[in-house]
PDB file of all heavy atoms in Angstrom:
ATOM      1  N   ASP A   1      -3.339 -10.929   4.951  1.00  0.00           N
ATOM      2  CA  ASP A   1      -2.645  -9.709   4.520  1.00  0.00           C
ATOM      3  C   ASP A   1      -3.631  -8.575   4.252  1.00  0.00           C
ATOM      4  O   ASP A   1      -3.354  -7.395   4.559  1.00  0.00           O
ATOM      5  CB  ASP A   1      -1.833 -10.002   3.262  1.00  0.00           C
ATOM      6  CG  ASP A   1      -0.659 -10.933   3.549  1.00  0.00           C
ATOM      7  OD1 ASP A   1      -0.246 -11.025   4.732  1.00  0.00           O
ATOM      8  OD2 ASP A   1      -0.166 -11.595   2.604  1.00  0.00           O
ATOM      9  N   ARG A   2      -4.797  -8.918   3.697  1.00  0.00           N
ATOM     10  CA  ARG A   2      -5.809  -7.897   3.427  1.00  0.00           C
ATOM     11  C   ARG A   2      -6.304  -7.294   4.733  1.00  0.00           C
ATOM     12  O   ARG A   2      -6.495  -6.063   4.846  1.00  0.00           O
ATOM     13  CB  ARG A   2      -6.964  -8.510   2.643  1.00  0.00           C
ATOM     14  CG  ARG A   2      -8.006  -7.475   2.202  1.00  0.00           C
ATOM     15  CD  ARG A   2      -9.155  -8.104   1.420  1.00  0.00           C
ATOM     16  NE  ARG A   2      -8.689  -8.763   0.208  1.00  0.00           N
ATOM     17  CZ  ARG A   2      -8.710 -10.050   0.014  1.00  0.00           C
ATOM     18  NH1 ARG A   2      -9.168 -10.863   0.973  1.00  0.00           N
ATOM     19  NH2 ARG A   2      -8.273 -10.577  -1.112  1.00  0.00           N
ATOM     20  N   VAL A   3      -6.536  -8.132   5.735  1.00  0.00           N
ATOM     21  CA  VAL A   3      -6.988  -7.626   7.031  1.00  0.00           C
ATOM     22  C   VAL A   3      -5.916  -6.733   7.635  1.00  0.00           C
ATOM     23  O   VAL A   3      -6.215  -5.649   8.165  1.00  0.00           O
ATOM     24  CB  VAL A   3      -7.309  -8.814   7.953  1.00  0.00           C
ATOM     25  CG1 VAL A   3      -7.522  -8.322   9.389  1.00  0.00           C
ATOM     26  CG2 VAL A   3      -8.554  -9.542   7.466  1.00  0.00           C
ATOM     27  N   LEU A   4      -4.663  -7.199   7.589  1.00  0.00           N
ATOM     28  CA  LEU A   4      -3.584  -6.399   8.180  1.00  0.00           C
ATOM     29  C   LEU A   4      -3.403  -5.073   7.443  1.00  0.00           C
ATOM     30  O   LEU A   4      -3.093  -4.038   8.067  1.00  0.00           O
ATOM     31  CB  LEU A   4      -2.282  -7.211   8.168  1.00  0.00           C
ATOM     32  CG  LEU A   4      -2.268  -8.465   9.063  1.00  0.00           C
ATOM     33  CD1 LEU A   4      -0.947  -9.200   8.914  1.00  0.00           C
ATOM     34  CD2 LEU A   4      -2.506  -8.063  10.517  1.00  0.00           C
ATOM     35  N   ALA A   5      -3.613  -5.079   6.125  1.00  0.00           N
ATOM     36  CA  ALA A   5      -3.506  -3.816   5.363  1.00  0.00           C
ATOM     37  C   ALA A   5      -4.603  -2.852   5.783  1.00  0.00           C
ATOM     38  O   ALA A   5      -4.359  -1.639   5.977  1.00  0.00           O
ATOM     39  CB  ALA A   5      -3.584  -4.118   3.870  1.00  0.00           C
ATOM     40  N   ARG A   6      -5.847  -3.365   5.903  1.00  0.00           N
ATOM     41  CA  ARG A   6      -6.956  -2.500   6.347  1.00  0.00           C
ATOM     42  C   ARG A   6      -6.687  -1.997   7.759  1.00  0.00           C
ATOM     43  O   ARG A   6      -6.947  -0.821   8.070  1.00  0.00           O
ATOM     44  CB  ARG A   6      -8.260  -3.291   6.334  1.00  0.00           C
ATOM     45  CG  ARG A   6      -8.676  -3.788   4.953  1.00  0.00           C
ATOM     46  CD  ARG A   6      -9.099  -2.651   4.050  1.00  0.00           C
ATOM     47  NE  ARG A   6      -9.600  -3.162   2.766  1.00  0.00           N
ATOM     48  CZ  ARG A   6      -9.998  -2.382   1.775  1.00  0.00           C
ATOM     49  NH1 ARG A   6      -9.919  -1.060   1.917  1.00  0.00           N
ATOM     50  NH2 ARG A   6     -10.456  -2.892   0.640  1.00  0.00           N
ATOM     51  N   ALA A   7      -6.169  -2.901   8.619  1.00  0.00           N
ATOM     52  CA  ALA A   7      -5.897  -2.475   9.985  1.00  0.00           C
ATOM     53  C   ALA A   7      -4.794  -1.428  10.031  1.00  0.00           C
ATOM     54  O   ALA A   7      -4.883  -0.453  10.794  1.00  0.00           O
ATOM     55  CB  ALA A   7      -5.488  -3.702  10.828  1.00  0.00           C
ATOM     56  N   GLU A   8      -3.762  -1.594   9.215  1.00  0.00           N
ATOM     57  CA  GLU A   8      -2.679  -0.624   9.197  1.00  0.00           C
ATOM     58  C   GLU A   8      -3.190   0.736   8.716  1.00  0.00           C
ATOM     59  O   GLU A   8      -2.797   1.785   9.255  1.00  0.00           O
ATOM     60  CB  GLU A   8      -1.558  -1.136   8.294  1.00  0.00           C
ATOM     61  CG  GLU A   8      -0.385  -0.170   8.117  1.00  0.00           C
ATOM     62  CD  GLU A   8       0.323   0.143   9.421  1.00  0.00           C
ATOM     63  OE1 GLU A   8       0.232  -0.701  10.375  1.00  0.00           O
ATOM     64  OE2 GLU A   8       0.951   1.199   9.539  1.00  0.00           O
ATOM     65  N   THR A   9      -4.065   0.737   7.704  1.00  0.00           N
ATOM     66  CA  THR A   9      -4.630   2.001   7.209  1.00  0.00           C
ATOM     67  C   THR A   9      -5.393   2.713   8.301  1.00  0.00           C
ATOM     68  O   THR A   9      -5.251   3.945   8.526  1.00  0.00           O
ATOM     69  CB  THR A   9      -5.540   1.730   6.006  1.00  0.00           C
ATOM     70  OG1 THR A   9      -4.767   1.108   4.970  1.00  0.00           O
ATOM     71  CG2 THR A   9      -6.155   3.019   5.473  1.00  0.00           C
ATOM     72  N   TRP A  10      -6.277   2.011   8.978  1.00  0.00           N
ATOM     73  CA  TRP A  10      -7.080   2.617  10.051  1.00  0.00           C
ATOM     74  C   TRP A  10      -6.188   3.075  11.186  1.00  0.00           C
ATOM     75  O   TRP A  10      -6.396   4.182  11.718  1.00  0.00           O
ATOM     76  CB  TRP A  10      -8.087   1.575  10.551  1.00  0.00           C
ATOM     77  CG  TRP A  10      -8.854   2.059  11.762  1.00  0.00           C
ATOM     78  CD1 TRP A  10      -9.869   2.952  11.795  1.00  0.00           C
ATOM     79  CD2 TRP A  10      -8.580   1.688  13.124  1.00  0.00           C
ATOM     80  NE1 TRP A  10     -10.295   3.165  13.071  1.00  0.00           N
ATOM     81  CE2 TRP A  10      -9.500   2.374  13.925  1.00  0.00           C
ATOM     82  CE3 TRP A  10      -7.656   0.826  13.726  1.00  0.00           C
ATOM     83  CZ2 TRP A  10      -9.530   2.235  15.304  1.00  0.00           C
ATOM     84  CZ3 TRP A  10      -7.710   0.700  15.098  1.00  0.00           C
ATOM     85  CH2 TRP A  10      -8.623   1.384  15.883  1.00  0.00           C
ATOM     86  N   GLN A  11      -5.198   2.251  11.570  1.00  0.00           N
ATOM     87  CA  GLN A  11      -4.308   2.655  12.665  1.00  0.00           C
ATOM     88  C   GLN A  11      -3.470   3.871  12.282  1.00  0.00           C
ATOM     89  O   GLN A  11      -3.246   4.763  13.114  1.00  0.00           O
ATOM     90  CB  GLN A  11      -3.394   1.476  13.055  1.00  0.00           C
ATOM     91  CG  GLN A  11      -4.117   0.335  13.745  1.00  0.00           C
ATOM     92  CD  GLN A  11      -3.219  -0.848  13.966  1.00  0.00           C
ATOM     93  OE1 GLN A  11      -2.113  -0.899  13.420  1.00  0.00           O
ATOM     94  NE2 GLN A  11      -3.698  -1.832  14.766  1.00  0.00           N
ATOM     95  N   HIS A  12      -3.022   3.926  11.028  1.00  0.00           N
ATOM     96  CA  HIS A  12      -2.191   5.058  10.607  1.00  0.00           C
ATOM     97  C   HIS A  12      -2.995   6.356  10.535  1.00  0.00           C
ATOM     98  O   HIS A  12      -2.517   7.425  10.939  1.00  0.00           O
ATOM     99  CB  HIS A  12      -1.563   4.756   9.241  1.00  0.00           C
ATOM    100  CG  HIS A  12      -0.717   5.877   8.702  1.00  0.00           C
ATOM    101  ND1 HIS A  12      -1.231   6.881   7.903  1.00  0.00           N
ATOM    102  CD2 HIS A  12       0.619   6.168   8.874  1.00  0.00           C
ATOM    103  CE1 HIS A  12      -0.289   7.730   7.599  1.00  0.00           C
ATOM    104  NE2 HIS A  12       0.874   7.308   8.171  1.00  0.00           N
ATOM    105  N   ASP A  13      -4.195   6.244  10.015  1.00  0.00           N
ATOM    106  CA  ASP A  13      -4.979   7.467   9.803  1.00  0.00           C
ATOM    107  C   ASP A  13      -5.707   7.896  11.057  1.00  0.00           C
ATOM    108  O   ASP A  13      -5.883   9.108  11.297  1.00  0.00           O
ATOM    109  CB  ASP A  13      -5.994   7.249   8.671  1.00  0.00           C
ATOM    110  CG  ASP A  13      -5.308   7.043   7.317  1.00  0.00           C
ATOM    111  OD1 ASP A  13      -4.127   7.432   7.201  1.00  0.00           O
ATOM    112  OD2 ASP A  13      -5.944   6.450   6.402  1.00  0.00           O
ATOM    113  N   ILE A  14      -6.138   6.956  11.893  1.00  0.00           N
ATOM    114  CA  ILE A  14      -7.054   7.317  12.968  1.00  0.00           C
ATOM    115  C   ILE A  14      -6.450   6.983  14.335  1.00  0.00           C
ATOM    116  O   ILE A  14      -6.345   7.846  15.201  1.00  0.00           O
ATOM    117  CB  ILE A  14      -8.403   6.579  12.784  1.00  0.00           C
ATOM    118  CG1 ILE A  14      -8.996   6.875  11.406  1.00  0.00           C
ATOM    119  CG2 ILE A  14      -9.368   6.970  13.899  1.00  0.00           C
ATOM    120  CD1 ILE A  14      -9.273   8.360  11.139  1.00  0.00           C
ATOM    121  N   ALA A  15      -6.123   5.679  14.552  1.00  0.00           N
ATOM    122  CA  ALA A  15      -5.828   5.215  15.902  1.00  0.00           C
ATOM    123  C   ALA A  15      -4.566   5.855  16.473  1.00  0.00           C
ATOM    124  O   ALA A  15      -4.572   6.329  17.614  1.00  0.00           O
ATOM    125  CB  ALA A  15      -5.685   3.690  15.908  1.00  0.00           C
ATOM    126  N   ARG A  16      -3.491   5.854  15.717  1.00  0.00           N
ATOM    127  CA  ARG A  16      -2.241   6.372  16.272  1.00  0.00           C
ATOM    128  C   ARG A  16      -2.324   7.902  16.532  1.00  0.00           C
ATOM    129  O   ARG A  16      -1.818   8.353  17.581  1.00  0.00           O
ATOM    130  CB  ARG A  16      -1.081   6.058  15.347  1.00  0.00           C
ATOM    131  CG  ARG A  16      -0.766   4.567  15.253  1.00  0.00           C
ATOM    132  CD  ARG A  16       0.586   4.335  14.586  1.00  0.00           C
ATOM    133  NE  ARG A  16       0.801   2.912  14.310  1.00  0.00           N
ATOM    134  CZ  ARG A  16       0.589   2.338  13.128  1.00  0.00           C
ATOM    135  NH1 ARG A  16       0.201   3.090  12.094  1.00  0.00           N
ATOM    136  NH2 ARG A  16       0.776   1.051  12.976  1.00  0.00           N
ATOM    137  N   PRO A  17      -2.910   8.707  15.588  1.00  0.00           N
ATOM    138  CA  PRO A  17      -3.018  10.130  15.902  1.00  0.00           C
ATOM    139  C   PRO A  17      -3.832  10.390  17.158  1.00  0.00           C
ATOM    140  O   PRO A  17      -3.490  11.255  17.961  1.00  0.00           O
ATOM    141  CB  PRO A  17      -3.682  10.715  14.655  1.00  0.00           C
ATOM    142  CG  PRO A  17      -3.288   9.800  13.558  1.00  0.00           C
ATOM    143  CD  PRO A  17      -3.288   8.463  14.171  1.00  0.00           C
ATOM    144  N   ILE A  18      -4.917   9.676  17.360  1.00  0.00           N
ATOM    145  CA  ILE A  18      -5.730   9.896  18.555  1.00  0.00           C
ATOM    146  C   ILE A  18      -4.927   9.523  19.796  1.00  0.00           C
ATOM    147  O   ILE A  18      -4.934  10.248  20.800  1.00  0.00           O
ATOM    148  CB  ILE A  18      -7.033   9.090  18.463  1.00  0.00           C
ATOM    149  CG1 ILE A  18      -7.924   9.640  17.357  1.00  0.00           C
ATOM    150  CG2 ILE A  18      -7.777   9.092  19.806  1.00  0.00           C
ATOM    151  CD1 ILE A  18      -9.187   8.846  17.120  1.00  0.00           C
ATOM    152  N   ALA A  19      -4.227   8.342  19.750  1.00  0.00           N
ATOM    153  CA  ALA A  19      -3.470   7.906  20.920  1.00  0.00           C
ATOM    154  C   ALA A  19      -2.317   8.842  21.221  1.00  0.00           C
ATOM    155  O   ALA A  19      -1.902   8.965  22.382  1.00  0.00           O
ATOM    156  CB  ALA A  19      -2.936   6.483  20.700  1.00  0.00           C
ATOM    157  N   ALA A  20      -1.823   9.551  20.192  1.00  0.00           N
ATOM    158  CA  ALA A  20      -0.699  10.465  20.408  1.00  0.00           C
ATOM    159  C   ALA A  20      -1.153  11.840  20.901  1.00  0.00           C
ATOM    160  O   ALA A  20      -0.309  12.671  21.247  1.00  0.00           O
ATOM    161  CB  ALA A  20       0.086  10.608  19.111  1.00  0.00           C
ATOM    162  N   SER A  21      -2.458  12.138  20.927  1.00  0.00           N
ATOM    163  CA  SER A  21      -2.960  13.448  21.364  1.00  0.00           C
ATOM    164  C   SER A  21      -2.752  13.590  22.855  1.00  0.00           C
ATOM    165  O   SER A  21      -2.777  12.596  23.600  1.00  0.00           O
ATOM    166  CB  SER A  21      -4.447  13.569  21.025  1.00  0.00           C
ATOM    167  OG  SER A  21      -4.620  13.510  19.611  1.00  0.00           O
ATOM    168  N   PRO A  22      -2.563  14.893  23.293  1.00  0.00           N
ATOM    169  CA  PRO A  22      -2.341  15.094  24.732  1.00  0.00           C
ATOM    170  C   PRO A  22      -3.591  14.731  25.527  1.00  0.00           C
ATOM    171  O   PRO A  22      -4.716  14.882  25.060  1.00  0.00           O
ATOM    172  CB  PRO A  22      -2.005  16.580  24.816  1.00  0.00           C
ATOM    173  CG  PRO A  22      -2.539  17.197  23.572  1.00  0.00           C
ATOM    174  CD  PRO A  22      -2.509  16.160  22.529  1.00  0.00           C
ATOM    175  N   ALA A  23      -3.348  14.245  26.752  1.00  0.00           N
ATOM    176  CA  ALA A  23      -4.439  13.826  27.630  1.00  0.00           C
ATOM    177  C   ALA A  23      -5.039  15.037  28.325  1.00  0.00           C
ATOM    178  O   ALA A  23      -4.469  16.115  28.373  1.00  0.00           O
ATOM    179  CB  ALA A  23      -3.909  12.826  28.650  1.00  0.00           C
ATOM    180  N   GLY A  24      -6.211  14.856  28.890  1.00  0.00           N
ATOM    181  CA  GLY A  24      -6.849  15.899  29.691  1.00  0.00           C
ATOM    182  C   GLY A  24      -7.979  16.596  28.980  1.00  0.00           C
ATOM    183  O   GLY A  24      -8.793  17.267  29.625  1.00  0.00           O
TER     184      GLY A  24
END
């Protein structure tokens, strides 16, 4: 659960916004 919480924090703050940015 601790790993998943850390992963969710990083994905929410960093990974998902970057993946949602326009390409090009």
